[in-house]
Amino acid sequence: MPSILNAVFVFVIFKIHMSSDVDSMLNEKNSIISNGFITSQIKYHTEFAPFARRPLTSYLVKSTSTSMGVSLGEAFVMVNFFLLFLIGLLLFRLSKVIGSRFQKGIVNLIIYYLSFTVLFAFFPQFLAMMNLYNIV
């Protein structure tokens, strides 16, 4: 059950960000992944000191791109949405470890996925509120 709920939420978040009606960092108001923009952002995160000190995501994206033969944009989407799914599973597991009942673990997942920073993670900060208004 938690895996299915995780998958549904991750899929919904993906669909929100890939909608051609909104200007997401993933698609730049198209219905396809914006490889050019994402590639430039990965390069920026590799070179800019505050981000370069935390290279895990950049490394995973580049490794996925190389090993699977996909573009950096596609690898970025695969890695980040897989990590989003994994975090949901870990959150549910943590809820169980600290003694929460099954229902409370599910509520924790729902609250996590509906939080503003997760639901609108791939929108530029200044557009996130405008996109929330357009979706609702």
Protein backbone atom coordinates (compact mmCIF):
# COMPACT_ATOMS: atom_id res chain seq x y z
CA MET A 1 0.00 0.00 0.00
CA PRO A 2 2.66 2.63 0.86
CA SER A 3 4.57 1.78 -2.33
CA ILE A 4 1.48 2.29 -4.45
CA LEU A 5 0.65 5.56 -2.69
CA ASN A 6 4.27 6.71 -3.16
CA ALA A 7 4.14 5.87 -6.84
CA VAL A 8 0.86 7.72 -7.30
CA PHE A 9 2.15 10.87 -5.59
CA VAL A 10 5.44 10.81 -7.51
CA PHE A 11 3.53 10.36 -10.78
CA VAL A 12 1.17 13.25 -9.96
CA ILE A 13 4.09 15.53 -9.09
CA PHE A 14 5.79 14.51 -12.35
CA LYS A 15 2.62 15.27 -14.34
CA ILE A 16 2.26 18.68 -12.65
CA HIS A 17 5.82 19.61 -13.59
CA MET A 18 5.60 18.22 -17.13
CA SER A 19 2.30 19.91 -17.97
CA SER A 20 2.70 22.21 -20.96
CA ASP A 21 0.50 24.76 -19.16
CA VAL A 22 3.11 25.54 -16.51
CA ASP A 23 6.70 26.77 -16.71
CA SER A 24 8.66 24.15 -14.82
CA MET A 25 12.44 23.78 -14.67
CA LEU A 26 11.91 20.34 -16.17
CA ASN A 27 10.05 21.36 -19.31
CA GLU A 28 10.20 25.17 -19.76
CA LYS A 29 6.48 25.29 -20.71
CA ASN A 30 6.69 22.39 -23.19
CA SER A 31 5.48 18.83 -22.93
CA ILE A 32 9.01 17.40 -23.24
CA ILE A 33 12.01 17.40 -20.91
CA SER A 34 14.16 20.50 -21.36
CA ASN A 35 17.54 18.88 -21.81
CA GLY A 36 19.41 22.14 -22.54
CA PHE A 37 18.27 23.93 -19.40
CA ILE A 38 18.80 20.94 -17.12
CA THR A 39 22.27 20.32 -18.58
CA SER A 40 23.23 23.95 -17.91
CA GLN A 41 21.97 23.63 -14.34
CA ILE A 42 23.97 20.45 -13.76
CA LYS A 43 27.07 22.24 -15.04
CA TYR A 44 26.30 25.20 -12.75
CA HIS A 45 25.88 22.88 -9.76
CA THR A 46 29.20 21.24 -10.56
CA GLU A 47 31.12 24.54 -10.81
CA PHE A 48 29.41 26.78 -8.22
CA ALA A 49 31.16 26.22 -4.87
CA PRO A 50 28.14 25.84 -2.52
CA PHE A 51 26.64 23.18 -4.78
CA ALA A 52 29.97 21.58 -5.74
CA ARG A 53 30.49 20.63 -2.09
CA ARG A 54 27.39 18.41 -2.35
CA PRO A 55 28.04 16.41 -5.52
CA LEU A 56 25.85 13.35 -4.89
CA THR A 57 22.94 14.26 -7.17
CA SER A 58 25.20 15.55 -9.94
CA TYR A 59 27.26 12.37 -9.75
CA LEU A 60 24.16 10.16 -9.85
CA VAL A 61 22.72 12.08 -12.81
CA LYS A 62 25.96 11.89 -14.80
CA SER A 63 26.43 8.20 -13.95
CA THR A 64 22.86 7.38 -14.95
CA SER A 65 23.25 9.30 -18.20
CA THR A 66 26.47 7.48 -19.06
CA SER A 67 25.42 4.00 -18.02
CA MET A 68 21.93 4.10 -19.57
CA GLY A 69 22.82 6.15 -22.63
CA VAL A 70 20.19 8.83 -22.01
CA SER A 71 20.47 12.61 -22.05
CA LEU A 72 21.38 14.49 -18.88
CA GLY A 73 17.85 15.89 -18.72
CA GLU A 74 16.27 12.44 -18.82
CA ALA A 75 18.78 11.14 -16.28
CA PHE A 76 18.04 14.12 -14.01
CA VAL A 77 14.33 13.32 -14.08
CA MET A 78 14.90 9.60 -13.48
CA VAL A 79 17.29 10.13 -10.56
CA ASN A 80 15.32 12.87 -8.82
CA PHE A 81 11.94 11.19 -9.08
CA PHE A 82 13.42 7.86 -7.98
CA LEU A 83 14.93 9.62 -4.96
CA LEU A 84 11.57 11.27 -4.27
CA PHE A 85 9.95 7.83 -4.32
CA LEU A 86 12.68 6.39 -2.08
CA ILE A 87 12.32 9.22 0.45
CA GLY A 88 8.60 8.46 0.69
CA LEU A 89 9.33 4.81 1.46
CA LEU A 90 11.94 5.78 4.04
CA LEU A 91 9.55 8.25 5.66
CA PHE A 92 6.88 5.56 6.00
CA ARG A 93 9.46 3.13 7.40
CA LEU A 94 10.69 5.74 9.88
CA SER A 95 7.11 6.31 11.00
CA LYS A 96 6.79 2.60 11.71
CA VAL A 97 10.16 2.46 13.51
CA ILE A 98 9.19 5.23 15.93
CA GLY A 99 5.99 3.40 16.78
CA SER A 100 3.35 4.98 14.57
CA ARG A 101 0.42 2.94 13.40
CA PHE A 102 -0.04 2.12 9.71
CA GLN A 103 -2.65 4.85 9.25
CA LYS A 104 -0.42 7.50 10.78
CA GLY A 105 2.41 6.44 8.47
CA ILE A 106 0.09 6.93 5.51
CA VAL A 107 -0.96 10.35 6.84
CA ASN A 108 2.73 11.26 7.18
CA LEU A 109 3.27 10.35 3.52
CA ILE A 110 0.29 12.41 2.41
CA ILE A 111 1.45 15.43 4.41
CA TYR A 112 4.98 15.06 3.03
CA TYR A 113 3.93 14.83 -0.61
CA LEU A 114 1.42 17.66 -0.30
CA SER A 115 3.90 20.01 1.36
CA PHE A 116 4.65 23.06 -0.73
CA THR A 117 8.38 22.44 -1.13
CA VAL A 118 7.87 18.87 -2.35
CA LEU A 119 4.83 19.46 -4.53
CA PHE A 120 6.50 22.40 -6.32
CA ALA A 121 10.14 21.31 -6.03
CA PHE A 122 11.05 21.83 -9.68
CA PHE A 123 9.52 25.27 -10.19
CA PRO A 124 11.70 28.36 -9.95
CA GLN A 125 11.04 29.99 -6.60
CA PHE A 126 9.47 33.14 -7.97
CA LEU A 127 7.07 31.15 -10.16
CA ALA A 128 5.99 28.59 -7.59
CA MET A 129 3.15 30.67 -6.16
CA MET A 130 1.95 31.70 -9.63
CA ASN A 131 1.93 28.05 -10.74
CA LEU A 132 -0.02 27.08 -7.63
CA TYR A 133 -2.61 29.68 -8.59
CA ASN A 134 -2.77 28.42 -12.20
CA ILE A 135 -3.19 24.78 -11.17
CA VAL A 136 -5.94 25.50 -8.66
